Every structure is written in C-alpha cells, then in structure tokens.
Amino acid sequence: MSESEISPVVDTSSQCPLPSRVQLANLVLFALCTGMQYLAAPVLYVGITQASLCKALGADARVSNLPATMFFALTAVPVLLAWLSPGIGSLRRNLSICYASTALMLLVTALVLALPVSNEIKIGVVILQGAVSGAAGPTAIALLWEMVGRGSDEKRRGLALGLAFGAGPILAVIGSFGQTVLLGGSFFGLELAGLEGLDGFVVLFACGGPVMVLAAVLSWFFRLPEVKTEPTREPVGSVMGLLVGLPLMLASIALVQAGVFTNASVLKFAGYAAAAVSAVAFVYHFRPILTQRVLLLATVVTVLVYSGNTIPSNMNLFTPEVLGDEPAKYAGMQNALRFAFKVIAGAVLGWLLTRSHPRQGLVATATVFLLAQVWAIFATGTAYLLAFGLYGAGELIGVYAPNYILSASAPGDIRRNMAFVTLLMVPAAPTGYLFGSIAESVKEAGWQLGEMTSAALGFRVSFGVCAVLILLGIIVAVVALPRRPGIESAGEVREMTFPERPTSDS
C-alpha cells in the first residue's frame, strides 16, 4: 500500500471555533481511526498477504500481482468522491461508508475463502478486495485529514499525529505477529504452526472486519463547525480525464490478462491501445500542472519511484526460491519488518529534513527504496528478509515526494497540487502487473543463469527492472530538480479546477 501517512494541506487560516474539549475529541478520534487502519494493515496494505494467498490458491505471478495493481489503480477515487460529494455535511457519512465497505469486503472475502467454491472464484474475490481497499482506504485517509483540518486548531494536532503515526506502525507490527500466529511460520526466531489450509487466511480477513466496523462507528462521533454555504459540485469537465482514463486503464489490464489466458494477440494489442489512450487522458487531466517545469519533473520522478510501491507482491512470491518455504509462512514477519523499519526511518528522515532541503528527503527515501531491490537481488537465506525492512523505510517516499511538490507550490495552488499528488500512484499501478509478467515470462521461457532456477531468475529480473525505474527517478531528481523548489515564474501558474475539498494519498 502506498504510504498512508501523507497529509494534504488544509487551509485553516482562522482558528477552529469548536470548544477545546470537542477539538480534543476529534483528535483522539483521528488517532483511533488511524490506529484501526494500522492494526488491520496485514489485509489493508494490499500486496504481501494477497500475493501469498493467491499463490496458495494456485495463481501465477501475473495474477498474484493483480490485487495490488487494482489497489493502486483505484487510488484516484478520493478525488472523484470529492467531486461527486463535495458537501462538508457529508464528511462523516462518507467516512463511515468507506470503513463499512472495507469491513464488508473483508468479511465477504473470509466467507468465500471458507466456502467450497473453485479457487478461480476465490482468487477473483481476493482481487476485488484489493480494488475495494484501493478505493475506500485512501478515500478514508483523505476524509480523516479533512476532519482534523476542520475540527481542530493546527497547534493542537501534534499529540494526535504523534500517536497516530508513532504508535500506529507499532499496531501494524502487532497485527503482523497475529498474522504469523494464524498462517504459521517464523517470527524473529519463534516458530509458529498456524492453522491448516486456508483457515488462517479466513480468520485473518474475518478479524479485519470488526476492526473496520469499529472505525466506521467512531466516524460518526466527529464534530465539525457549521458552514454557511456548502460547496457545490464542479462541472464534469473538471474530472473528465479521470473518468475516461481510469476505466481504460482497468480495461487495458483486463484485456492483456485475457490475451495471456487465451493466447489471443488481438486482445493484448487492444489492451496496449487502451493503455495508450488512458495515458493521454491522464495527461489531459493534469495538463495545467504539467506545463510547469519543476512540477513536471517532480511528477516524472515521483511516478518512476512510486513503481517501487508495486513490487512487494513479487518480493513475497520469491520466498520459496530464497527461503525454501511457502510465501504465507513469512508474510507476517515480512510485514513486521516493513513497519518496524518505517518507525525508525520516519524519525531519522524527519531529522534529516530539518537539517537539509526538500530534495534531500526525496532522494534519501528513493535511495533506500533502491537499496531494497538491490538487496533482494543479491541476498540469500534469512538475510533476504532485510529487503522488506528497507522497503518499508523506502515507502516513506510517499511522504517526501509530496513534500517536495508542496514546496514547489505557490500558496494559492497548494490545494490543487496536493489533490494532484493523490493521483500519482495511478499511472504507476500497471507496473505491478508488469513485474508479475516479467517473473512469469522468464519462468515460462525456462531461462537460467548458472545454478539459478528460471523462477528465481524471473523474480530477480523483475527486481532489477524495478531498481532501474527507481534509479532513473533518482538521476532525474539529482540532475534536474532544484534543492529548494519554487514557482519558476508567475506566468507558469495556470488555473486548474479541482474539487473543493482536499484529498490524501495511500
């Protein structure tokens, strides 16, 4: 999952008129809801768990990457929902619906996994769970940020943010331990048997349901100041690029996958054509921002580096080749390392940013992301697991890339540009399917390198491709991006209509 700690900038030039106790209650609710998301991270951070489950159901690497691909493809939903339902009075309802739909999908997934239906149906439901989480999760995060932006003074938010994003990842580590208890495997030297067959996955997804139900209930207790005039919906033209581009991107993935299954070249070419038109639609949507040189270059860097967000499925699927056991047996420990390193890296990188410049934070996190792939390529045995810790630290690119774009934005463009940031995972989403296809294609071709099996070679090649994309992003950042960005000229600032309400990333 794309890093959920990203916060949009909410324009709160005046103090919140709510009483102090109400503001405190809003901040506690923010921390609690965020904590619930972290506690359910093994199933909400779509990638490692879903890939190992698809593998257990007999899926290949392409299909096992589809839950994460669908997750990232649907991270555009926060902007679409903000356009569809712009009213401030609907915030609590929309937030509760997001959590409730997530809970329902988790429970449905658990139910289908427990039923005597075909593995194909079960895999389809797992992919759907990834899609629903991609639509609802980032939207909930965006709405949470607006709740705290409207329902509290800026000076009061430090404690809530510290609890949410300091203690939050610790809850994710606890959830990862619970995952290992259910699925079995090793957890820092502790060997756990786990439940038989798919029972561990059934209980894991079922446990996520009540956690999200609690978040849905808590959402109704937020209190916001009354607004004199509710914002109205913008013209459909303001999101036309997304309305065209997003369905075409999903169609392109479906067509290419259908072409692989049926060996029909015409379907593959149709998928590639749909992807090309989708790219044009996204560029059209973002054209006012992409005419500004610094923001254009920052966008290129961000999309290239964000491709690393889609690689953990392959990293988990590589487990049998490097550790000699099923992916599910190490999924809990991999998630635990991911979040534990995130806690440490968050403190270190935050300190670094206070003593350097915005580009340094971006390059530092991207470099750690790159090191994760290099380590995954060359490490063997249990040392391989360190790649997941490095990956978790590198995921903080989801904080420092938006911070750079924020630093490059004029005050009047902050809301527009931060809404734009929430969509940058969408063009990177297809790389997940690409990485799975690379691994599977090398395996099917039977290519080998020395004593390395074709399966191991395929995954390592996918890690290499991911590393190259990240490296390209780093090179562009170092060569072309200024250390302390700013608007290059007043003439470059264009008007762009975005939904009135700010949104957040995943």
Protein backbone atom coordinates (compact mmCIF):
# COMPACT_ATOMS: atom_id res chain seq x y z
CA MET A 1 0.00 0.00 0.00
CA SER A 2 1.07 3.48 -0.84
CA GLU A 3 2.18 5.29 2.28
CA SER A 4 -0.94 6.39 4.14
CA GLU A 5 0.81 8.99 6.29
CA ILE A 6 0.64 11.57 3.52
CA SER A 7 -1.36 14.59 4.57
CA PRO A 8 -2.96 17.18 2.34
CA VAL A 9 -2.67 20.78 3.29
CA VAL A 10 -5.94 22.08 4.69
CA ASP A 11 -6.42 25.81 4.58
CA THR A 12 -7.24 26.75 8.15
CA SER A 13 -6.26 30.39 8.26
CA SER A 14 -8.57 31.05 11.20
CA GLN A 15 -8.77 29.22 14.49
CA CYS A 16 -11.29 26.42 14.86
CA PRO A 17 -14.41 27.79 16.61
CA LEU A 18 -15.17 24.49 18.36
CA PRO A 19 -14.65 24.22 22.15
CA SER A 20 -11.33 22.77 23.28
CA ARG A 21 -12.88 19.54 24.54
CA VAL A 22 -14.58 18.94 21.18
CA GLN A 23 -11.33 19.58 19.34
CA LEU A 24 -9.56 17.14 21.66
CA ALA A 25 -12.25 14.54 20.99
CA ASN A 26 -11.78 14.99 17.23
CA LEU A 27 -8.03 14.50 17.57
CA VAL A 28 -8.49 11.35 19.66
CA LEU A 29 -10.93 10.00 17.07
CA PHE A 30 -8.40 10.74 14.33
CA ALA A 31 -5.72 8.78 16.20
CA LEU A 32 -8.10 5.89 16.93
CA CYS A 33 -9.29 5.56 13.33
CA THR A 34 -5.72 5.71 12.06
CA GLY A 35 -4.75 3.09 14.64
CA MET A 36 -7.51 0.79 13.43
CA GLN A 37 -6.15 1.06 9.89
CA TYR A 38 -2.69 0.12 11.10
CA LEU A 39 -3.96 -2.79 13.19
CA ALA A 40 -5.63 -4.23 10.08
CA ALA A 41 -2.56 -3.46 7.94
CA PRO A 42 -1.83 -7.13 7.05
CA VAL A 43 -5.01 -7.13 4.93
CA LEU A 44 -5.40 -3.41 4.16
CA TYR A 45 -1.85 -2.82 2.89
CA VAL A 46 -2.62 -4.82 -0.21
CA GLY A 47 0.33 -6.74 -1.61
CA ILE A 48 2.23 -9.25 0.51
CA THR A 49 -0.72 -11.04 2.11
CA GLN A 50 -2.87 -11.11 -1.01
CA ALA A 51 0.02 -12.34 -3.18
CA SER A 52 0.78 -15.20 -0.81
CA LEU A 53 -2.92 -16.11 -0.71
CA CYS A 54 -3.24 -16.10 -4.50
CA LYS A 55 -0.12 -18.26 -4.68
CA ALA A 56 -1.68 -20.73 -2.22
CA LEU A 57 -4.75 -20.83 -4.47
CA GLY A 58 -2.64 -21.77 -7.48
CA ALA A 59 -2.28 -18.39 -9.21
CA ASP A 60 0.83 -17.45 -11.18
CA ALA A 61 2.90 -14.32 -10.58
CA ARG A 62 0.83 -12.23 -13.02
CA VAL A 63 -2.45 -12.94 -11.29
CA SER A 64 -0.90 -12.75 -7.81
CA ASN A 65 0.08 -9.13 -8.58
CA LEU A 66 -3.44 -8.13 -9.62
CA PRO A 67 -4.77 -7.31 -6.10
CA ALA A 68 -2.02 -4.73 -5.60
CA THR A 69 -2.36 -3.46 -9.17
CA MET A 70 -6.10 -2.91 -8.67
CA PHE A 71 -5.46 -1.27 -5.32
CA PHE A 72 -3.15 1.36 -6.76
CA ALA A 73 -5.27 1.87 -9.87
CA LEU A 74 -8.23 2.91 -7.73
CA THR A 75 -6.36 5.42 -5.59
CA ALA A 76 -7.95 8.08 -7.82
CA VAL A 77 -11.27 7.58 -6.02
CA PRO A 78 -10.65 10.28 -3.34
CA VAL A 79 -10.62 12.98 -6.00
CA LEU A 80 -13.65 11.50 -7.75
CA LEU A 81 -15.59 11.28 -4.47
CA ALA A 82 -14.66 14.85 -3.57
CA TRP A 83 -16.13 15.91 -6.92
CA LEU A 84 -19.22 13.70 -6.59
CA SER A 85 -19.99 14.60 -2.95
CA PRO A 86 -18.40 17.98 -2.13
CA GLY A 87 -20.61 18.88 0.83
CA ILE A 88 -18.98 19.34 4.23
CA GLY A 89 -22.09 17.91 5.87
CA SER A 90 -21.50 14.57 4.16
CA LEU A 91 -17.98 14.06 5.55
CA ARG A 92 -18.95 11.81 8.47
CA ARG A 93 -21.31 9.76 6.34
CA ASN A 94 -18.75 9.28 3.58
CA LEU A 95 -16.01 8.33 6.05
CA SER A 96 -18.25 5.78 7.73
CA ILE A 97 -19.24 4.32 4.35
CA CYS A 98 -15.58 3.90 3.42
CA TYR A 99 -14.81 1.96 6.57
CA ALA A 100 -18.05 -0.03 6.40
CA SER A 101 -17.47 -1.05 2.77
CA THR A 102 -13.93 -2.12 3.67
CA ALA A 103 -15.27 -4.18 6.58
CA LEU A 104 -17.94 -5.78 4.40
CA MET A 105 -15.41 -6.73 1.72
CA LEU A 106 -13.08 -8.28 4.30
CA LEU A 107 -15.92 -10.36 5.73
CA VAL A 108 -17.09 -11.40 2.25
CA THR A 109 -13.53 -12.44 1.40
CA ALA A 110 -13.33 -14.56 4.56
CA LEU A 111 -16.70 -16.15 3.77
CA VAL A 112 -15.81 -17.01 0.17
CA LEU A 113 -12.46 -18.46 1.25
CA ALA A 114 -14.32 -20.73 3.68
CA LEU A 115 -16.92 -21.90 1.13
CA PRO A 116 -16.45 -24.95 -1.13
CA VAL A 117 -16.15 -22.91 -4.33
CA SER A 118 -13.49 -23.02 -7.03
CA ASN A 119 -10.10 -21.42 -6.50
CA GLU A 120 -10.77 -19.19 -9.51
CA ILE A 121 -13.73 -17.62 -7.69
CA LYS A 122 -11.69 -17.20 -4.53
CA ILE A 123 -8.88 -15.51 -6.45
CA GLY A 124 -11.40 -13.19 -8.10
CA VAL A 125 -12.74 -12.16 -4.70
CA VAL A 126 -9.22 -11.51 -3.40
CA ILE A 127 -8.58 -9.25 -6.41
CA LEU A 128 -11.88 -7.48 -5.73
CA GLN A 129 -10.85 -6.99 -2.10
CA GLY A 130 -7.71 -5.26 -3.34
CA ALA A 131 -9.81 -3.00 -5.56
CA VAL A 132 -12.27 -2.10 -2.79
CA SER A 133 -9.42 -1.38 -0.38
CA GLY A 134 -7.78 0.84 -3.02
CA ALA A 135 -10.98 2.82 -3.46
CA ALA A 136 -12.07 3.05 0.18
CA GLY A 137 -8.77 3.17 2.09
CA PRO A 138 -7.14 6.27 0.55
CA THR A 139 -10.54 7.98 0.50
CA ALA A 140 -10.95 7.36 4.23
CA ILE A 141 -7.49 8.80 4.85
CA ALA A 142 -8.35 11.90 2.82
CA LEU A 143 -11.58 12.38 4.75
CA LEU A 144 -9.80 11.86 8.08
CA TRP A 145 -7.34 14.62 7.23
CA GLU A 146 -10.17 16.97 6.40
CA MET A 147 -11.90 16.08 9.66
CA VAL A 148 -8.84 17.02 11.67
CA GLY A 149 -8.21 20.06 9.47
CA ARG A 150 -11.67 21.48 10.02
CA GLY A 151 -12.24 20.16 13.54
CA SER A 152 -9.10 21.33 15.37
CA ASP A 153 -6.53 24.10 15.61
CA GLU A 154 -3.18 23.42 13.99
CA LYS A 155 -1.31 23.93 17.27
CA ARG A 156 -3.30 21.13 18.93
CA ARG A 157 -2.55 18.43 16.36
CA GLY A 158 0.96 17.40 17.39
CA LEU A 159 -0.07 14.88 20.05
CA ALA A 160 -2.67 13.25 17.79
CA LEU A 161 -0.23 12.97 14.90
CA GLY A 162 2.41 11.55 17.21
CA LEU A 163 0.01 8.90 18.50
CA ALA A 164 -1.36 8.09 15.06
CA PHE A 165 1.92 7.79 13.18
CA GLY A 166 4.24 6.92 16.05
CA ALA A 167 2.21 4.25 17.82
CA GLY A 168 0.30 3.34 14.65
CA PRO A 169 3.08 1.34 12.96
CA ILE A 170 3.59 -0.50 16.27
CA LEU A 171 -0.02 -1.68 15.98
CA ALA A 172 0.83 -2.85 12.47
CA VAL A 173 3.71 -4.92 13.89
CA ILE A 174 1.28 -6.43 16.42
CA GLY A 175 -1.13 -7.21 13.59
CA SER A 176 1.72 -8.83 11.67
CA PHE A 177 2.50 -11.05 14.65
CA GLY A 178 -1.15 -12.09 14.72
CA GLN A 179 -0.87 -12.88 11.02
CA THR A 180 2.06 -15.21 11.72
CA VAL A 181 0.13 -16.91 14.54
CA LEU A 182 -2.69 -17.64 12.09
CA LEU A 183 -0.69 -18.54 8.99
CA GLY A 184 2.29 -20.14 10.72
CA GLY A 185 5.96 -19.63 10.05
CA SER A 186 8.89 -17.89 11.69
CA PHE A 187 8.63 -14.63 13.62
CA PHE A 188 12.07 -13.46 14.74
CA GLY A 189 13.12 -16.96 15.75
CA LEU A 190 9.75 -18.01 17.15
CA GLU A 191 8.32 -20.91 15.14
CA LEU A 192 4.52 -20.99 14.94
CA ALA A 193 2.42 -23.80 13.48
CA GLY A 194 -0.55 -21.76 12.28
CA LEU A 195 -3.92 -23.08 11.15
CA GLU A 196 -4.35 -25.68 8.45
CA GLY A 197 -5.06 -24.92 4.80
CA LEU A 198 -6.82 -21.63 4.15
CA ASP A 199 -8.23 -21.43 7.69
CA GLY A 200 -5.55 -18.94 8.73
CA PHE A 201 -6.46 -16.61 5.87
CA VAL A 202 -10.16 -16.98 6.67
CA VAL A 203 -9.63 -15.88 10.28
CA LEU A 204 -7.17 -13.14 9.27
CA PHE A 205 -9.61 -11.45 6.88
CA ALA A 206 -12.52 -12.05 9.26
CA CYS A 207 -10.65 -10.31 12.10
CA GLY A 208 -10.12 -7.26 9.92
CA GLY A 209 -13.89 -6.84 9.53
CA PRO A 210 -14.75 -5.91 13.15
CA VAL A 211 -11.73 -3.59 13.33
CA MET A 212 -13.08 -1.62 10.37
CA VAL A 213 -16.62 -1.74 11.76
CA LEU A 214 -15.29 -0.05 14.90
CA ALA A 215 -13.67 2.63 12.73
CA ALA A 216 -16.99 3.10 10.89
CA VAL A 217 -18.80 3.63 14.20
CA LEU A 218 -16.15 6.02 15.52
CA SER A 219 -16.51 8.12 12.36
CA TRP A 220 -19.96 9.29 13.43
CA PHE A 221 -18.59 10.94 16.59
CA PHE A 222 -16.58 13.62 14.78
CA ARG A 223 -17.99 17.13 15.22
CA LEU A 224 -17.25 19.93 12.76
CA PRO A 225 -18.06 23.65 12.73
CA GLU A 226 -21.14 24.61 10.79
CA VAL A 227 -20.53 26.10 7.36
CA LYS A 228 -22.55 28.97 5.99
CA THR A 229 -22.50 27.76 2.40
CA GLU A 230 -21.91 24.20 1.24
CA PRO A 231 -19.58 23.85 -1.77
CA THR A 232 -21.28 22.81 -5.00
CA ARG A 233 -20.22 20.15 -7.44
CA GLU A 234 -17.79 21.28 -10.13
CA PRO A 235 -18.61 20.71 -13.83
CA VAL A 236 -17.99 17.18 -15.09
CA GLY A 237 -15.25 18.55 -17.32
CA SER A 238 -13.06 19.05 -14.25
CA VAL A 239 -12.66 15.27 -13.88
CA MET A 240 -13.28 14.14 -17.46
CA GLY A 241 -9.68 12.98 -17.86
CA LEU A 242 -10.03 10.71 -14.84
CA LEU A 243 -13.47 9.45 -15.86
CA VAL A 244 -12.01 8.37 -19.20
CA GLY A 245 -8.50 7.35 -18.14
CA LEU A 246 -9.29 5.20 -15.12
CA PRO A 247 -11.79 2.80 -16.79
CA LEU A 248 -9.49 2.49 -19.80
CA MET A 249 -6.55 1.59 -17.59
CA LEU A 250 -8.59 -1.11 -15.85
CA ALA A 251 -9.79 -2.34 -19.24
CA SER A 252 -6.22 -2.49 -20.52
CA ILE A 253 -5.16 -4.76 -17.64
CA ALA A 254 -8.19 -7.00 -18.17
CA LEU A 255 -7.61 -7.24 -21.93
CA VAL A 256 -3.92 -8.07 -21.58
CA GLN A 257 -4.66 -10.71 -18.95
CA ALA A 258 -7.41 -12.18 -21.15
CA GLY A 259 -4.96 -12.25 -24.04
CA VAL A 260 -2.47 -14.18 -21.90
CA PHE A 261 -5.09 -16.74 -20.87
CA THR A 262 -6.48 -17.24 -24.38
CA ASN A 263 -3.22 -16.67 -26.25
CA ALA A 264 -5.09 -14.14 -28.40
CA SER A 265 -2.76 -11.44 -29.69
CA VAL A 266 -5.65 -9.19 -30.69
CA LEU A 267 -6.72 -8.88 -27.04
CA LYS A 268 -3.20 -7.99 -25.97
CA PHE A 269 -2.93 -5.28 -28.63
CA ALA A 270 -6.35 -3.95 -27.64
CA GLY A 271 -5.10 -3.76 -24.06
CA TYR A 272 -1.99 -1.85 -25.12
CA ALA A 273 -4.14 0.56 -27.15
CA ALA A 274 -6.44 1.13 -24.18
CA ALA A 275 -3.39 1.82 -22.00
CA ALA A 276 -2.12 4.40 -24.51
CA VAL A 277 -5.45 6.22 -24.64
CA SER A 278 -5.64 6.05 -20.84
CA ALA A 279 -2.22 7.72 -20.60
CA VAL A 280 -3.37 10.50 -22.92
CA ALA A 281 -6.48 11.04 -20.77
CA PHE A 282 -4.39 11.33 -17.59
CA VAL A 283 -2.00 13.79 -19.24
CA TYR A 284 -5.01 15.83 -20.39
CA HIS A 285 -6.36 15.90 -16.83
CA PHE A 286 -3.04 17.05 -15.40
CA ARG A 287 -2.06 19.42 -18.23
CA PRO A 288 -2.20 22.70 -16.22
CA ILE A 289 0.29 21.34 -13.67
CA LEU A 290 2.47 19.55 -16.21
CA THR A 291 3.18 22.83 -18.01
CA GLN A 292 5.23 23.98 -15.00
CA ARG A 293 8.79 22.69 -15.40
CA VAL A 294 9.62 21.90 -11.76
CA LEU A 295 6.27 20.25 -11.13
CA LEU A 296 6.55 18.27 -14.37
CA LEU A 297 10.00 16.97 -13.41
CA ALA A 298 8.86 16.23 -9.85
CA THR A 299 5.92 14.29 -11.29
CA VAL A 300 8.21 12.21 -13.51
CA VAL A 301 10.47 11.46 -10.54
CA THR A 302 7.54 10.55 -8.29
CA VAL A 303 5.88 8.20 -10.79
CA LEU A 304 9.19 6.45 -11.53
CA VAL A 305 9.99 5.93 -7.86
CA TYR A 306 6.39 5.04 -6.98
CA SER A 307 6.82 1.95 -9.18
CA GLY A 308 8.61 0.53 -6.15
CA ASN A 309 5.30 0.51 -4.29
CA THR A 310 4.04 -2.28 -6.54
CA ILE A 311 6.97 -4.72 -6.11
CA PRO A 312 6.26 -6.30 -2.65
CA SER A 313 3.98 -8.95 -4.15
CA ASN A 314 6.91 -10.29 -6.17
CA MET A 315 9.20 -9.94 -3.16
CA ASN A 316 6.86 -12.18 -1.19
CA LEU A 317 6.38 -14.65 -4.05
CA PHE A 318 10.17 -15.04 -4.24
CA THR A 319 10.14 -16.59 -0.74
CA PRO A 320 10.16 -20.27 -1.84
CA GLU A 321 13.21 -19.69 -4.03
CA VAL A 322 15.28 -17.90 -1.42
CA LEU A 323 13.94 -19.26 1.89
CA GLY A 324 12.57 -22.63 0.85
CA ASP A 325 9.07 -22.21 2.29
CA GLU A 326 5.65 -21.02 1.20
CA PRO A 327 5.15 -17.23 0.91
CA ALA A 328 2.39 -17.27 3.53
CA LYS A 329 4.78 -18.63 6.16
CA TYR A 330 6.91 -15.49 6.03
CA ALA A 331 4.23 -12.90 5.21
CA GLY A 332 3.74 -11.87 8.84
CA MET A 333 7.43 -11.38 9.52
CA GLN A 334 7.87 -9.52 6.24
CA ASN A 335 5.08 -7.12 7.19
CA ALA A 336 6.52 -6.72 10.71
CA LEU A 337 9.94 -5.77 9.36
CA ARG A 338 8.29 -3.41 6.91
CA PHE A 339 6.54 -1.41 9.63
CA ALA A 340 9.29 -1.63 12.25
CA PHE A 341 11.81 -0.09 9.87
CA LYS A 342 9.24 2.55 8.94
CA VAL A 343 9.10 3.74 12.56
CA ILE A 344 12.89 4.11 12.76
CA ALA A 345 13.28 5.63 9.30
CA GLY A 346 10.50 8.11 9.96
CA ALA A 347 12.41 9.61 12.88
CA VAL A 348 15.76 9.63 11.08
CA LEU A 349 14.44 11.10 7.85
CA GLY A 350 12.43 13.72 9.72
CA TRP A 351 15.62 14.81 11.48
CA LEU A 352 17.43 14.86 8.11
CA LEU A 353 14.79 17.10 6.55
CA THR A 354 15.11 19.68 9.33
CA ARG A 355 18.82 19.99 8.53
CA SER A 356 18.77 19.85 4.74
CA HIS A 357 16.36 20.67 1.91
CA PRO A 358 13.23 19.14 0.32
CA ARG A 359 15.14 17.38 -2.46
CA GLN A 360 17.33 15.60 0.08
CA GLY A 361 14.33 13.90 1.70
CA LEU A 362 13.05 12.78 -1.69
CA VAL A 363 16.42 11.42 -2.83
CA ALA A 364 17.15 9.76 0.53
CA THR A 365 13.91 7.78 0.61
CA ALA A 366 14.21 6.87 -3.07
CA THR A 367 17.75 5.63 -2.44
CA VAL A 368 16.56 3.38 0.39
CA PHE A 369 13.83 2.09 -1.94
CA LEU A 370 16.55 1.31 -4.49
CA LEU A 371 18.70 -0.45 -1.87
CA ALA A 372 15.75 -2.71 -1.03
CA GLN A 373 15.70 -4.01 -4.61
CA VAL A 374 19.48 -4.38 -4.81
CA TRP A 375 19.41 -6.34 -1.55
CA ALA A 376 16.56 -8.53 -2.85
CA ILE A 377 18.57 -9.37 -5.97
CA PHE A 378 21.75 -10.48 -4.20
CA ALA A 379 20.76 -11.60 -0.67
CA THR A 380 20.27 -15.27 0.16
CA GLY A 381 18.80 -17.13 3.11
CA THR A 382 17.28 -15.25 6.02
CA ALA A 383 19.34 -12.18 5.13
CA TYR A 384 16.84 -11.70 2.30
CA LEU A 385 14.22 -10.60 4.83
CA LEU A 386 16.13 -7.37 5.41
CA ALA A 387 14.87 -6.28 1.99
CA PHE A 388 11.38 -5.90 3.49
CA GLY A 389 12.70 -3.61 6.22
CA LEU A 390 14.49 -1.47 3.66
CA TYR A 391 11.34 -1.49 1.55
CA GLY A 392 9.26 -0.25 4.49
CA ALA A 393 11.69 2.60 5.12
CA GLY A 394 11.70 3.45 1.42
CA GLU A 395 7.90 3.61 1.40
CA LEU A 396 8.30 6.97 3.10
CA ILE A 397 8.82 8.28 -0.42
CA GLY A 398 5.05 8.65 -0.10
CA VAL A 399 5.74 11.45 2.37
CA TYR A 400 8.82 13.14 0.92
CA ALA A 401 7.80 13.24 -2.76
CA PRO A 402 4.56 15.09 -1.90
CA ASN A 403 6.57 17.31 0.45
CA TYR A 404 8.76 18.33 -2.48
CA ILE A 405 5.74 19.11 -4.66
CA LEU A 406 4.26 21.07 -1.76
CA SER A 407 7.49 23.07 -1.52
CA ALA A 408 7.28 23.80 -5.26
CA SER A 409 3.72 25.12 -4.99
CA ALA A 410 2.59 28.71 -4.70
CA PRO A 411 0.27 29.29 -1.70
CA GLY A 412 -2.75 29.68 -3.95
CA ASP A 413 -2.03 26.36 -5.68
CA ILE A 414 -1.42 24.17 -2.63
CA ARG A 415 -4.89 22.62 -2.50
CA ARG A 416 -4.90 21.91 -6.23
CA ASN A 417 -1.40 20.45 -6.27
CA MET A 418 -1.88 18.26 -3.19
CA ALA A 419 -5.05 16.86 -4.76
CA PHE A 420 -2.91 16.12 -7.80
CA VAL A 421 -0.39 14.26 -5.61
CA THR A 422 -3.04 11.76 -4.52
CA LEU A 423 -3.34 10.54 -8.12
CA LEU A 424 0.32 9.83 -8.83
CA MET A 425 0.03 6.16 -7.86
CA VAL A 426 -2.49 5.64 -10.66
CA PRO A 427 -0.02 5.86 -13.59
CA ALA A 428 2.43 3.69 -11.61
CA ALA A 429 -0.18 0.99 -10.89
CA PRO A 430 0.37 -1.11 -14.06
CA THR A 431 3.99 -1.76 -13.08
CA GLY A 432 2.73 -4.32 -10.57
CA TYR A 433 1.27 -6.41 -13.37
CA LEU A 434 4.42 -5.74 -15.41
CA PHE A 435 6.66 -7.12 -12.65
CA GLY A 436 4.49 -10.22 -12.32
CA SER A 437 4.54 -10.72 -16.09
CA ILE A 438 8.33 -10.44 -16.18
CA ALA A 439 8.76 -13.08 -13.48
CA GLU A 440 6.27 -15.44 -15.10
CA SER A 441 7.60 -14.93 -18.65
CA VAL A 442 11.19 -15.76 -17.65
CA LYS A 443 9.94 -18.85 -15.82
CA GLU A 444 7.86 -19.98 -18.80
CA ALA A 445 10.81 -19.43 -21.15
CA GLY A 446 12.96 -21.66 -18.95
CA TRP A 447 15.86 -19.21 -18.85
CA GLN A 448 18.56 -19.97 -16.29
CA LEU A 449 21.72 -18.28 -15.06
CA GLY A 450 24.28 -20.68 -13.65
CA GLU A 451 22.65 -22.69 -10.87
CA MET A 452 19.80 -20.18 -10.57
CA THR A 453 16.39 -21.63 -11.49
CA SER A 454 14.22 -19.91 -14.07
CA ALA A 455 11.72 -18.95 -11.34
CA ALA A 456 14.43 -17.33 -9.21
CA LEU A 457 15.88 -15.57 -12.24
CA GLY A 458 12.48 -14.22 -13.23
CA PHE A 459 11.89 -12.60 -9.86
CA ARG A 460 15.40 -11.18 -9.74
CA VAL A 461 14.95 -9.69 -13.21
CA SER A 462 11.72 -8.03 -12.03
CA PHE A 463 13.60 -6.59 -9.03
CA GLY A 464 16.24 -5.32 -11.45
CA VAL A 465 13.66 -3.61 -13.66
CA CYS A 466 12.10 -2.01 -10.59
CA ALA A 467 15.54 -0.85 -9.45
CA VAL A 468 16.24 0.70 -12.87
CA LEU A 469 12.97 2.68 -12.75
CA ILE A 470 13.78 3.96 -9.26
CA LEU A 471 17.35 4.79 -10.29
CA LEU A 472 16.07 6.78 -13.26
CA GLY A 473 13.90 8.76 -10.88
CA ILE A 474 16.87 9.46 -8.61
CA ILE A 475 19.01 10.60 -11.55
CA VAL A 476 16.32 12.99 -12.78
CA ALA A 477 15.92 14.36 -9.25
CA VAL A 478 19.63 14.95 -8.70
CA VAL A 479 20.30 16.37 -12.17
CA ALA A 480 17.18 18.41 -12.86
CA LEU A 481 15.35 19.27 -9.63
CA PRO A 482 16.39 22.31 -7.59
CA ARG A 483 17.23 21.69 -3.94
CA ARG A 484 14.71 24.24 -2.73
CA PRO A 485 11.96 24.36 -5.33
CA GLY A 486 9.77 27.34 -6.07
CA ILE A 487 7.50 28.52 -8.80
CA GLU A 488 9.77 29.37 -11.73
CA SER A 489 7.72 32.29 -12.94
CA ALA A 490 4.31 33.74 -12.33
CA GLY A 491 3.43 33.06 -15.94
CA GLU A 492 3.74 29.33 -15.41
CA VAL A 493 0.95 29.17 -12.85
CA ARG A 494 -2.21 28.07 -14.56
CA GLU A 495 -5.76 27.82 -13.31
CA MET A 496 -6.98 24.27 -12.80
CA THR A 497 -10.34 23.29 -11.38
CA PHE A 498 -10.12 20.57 -8.77
CA PRO A 499 -12.73 19.51 -6.25
CA GLU A 500 -13.17 22.00 -3.45
CA ARG A 501 -12.16 19.58 -0.76
CA PRO A 502 -8.53 18.43 -0.35
CA THR A 503 -7.71 14.77 -0.54
CA SER A 504 -4.95 12.44 0.57
CA ASP A 505 -2.77 9.68 -0.79
CA SER A 506 -2.20 5.56 0.20
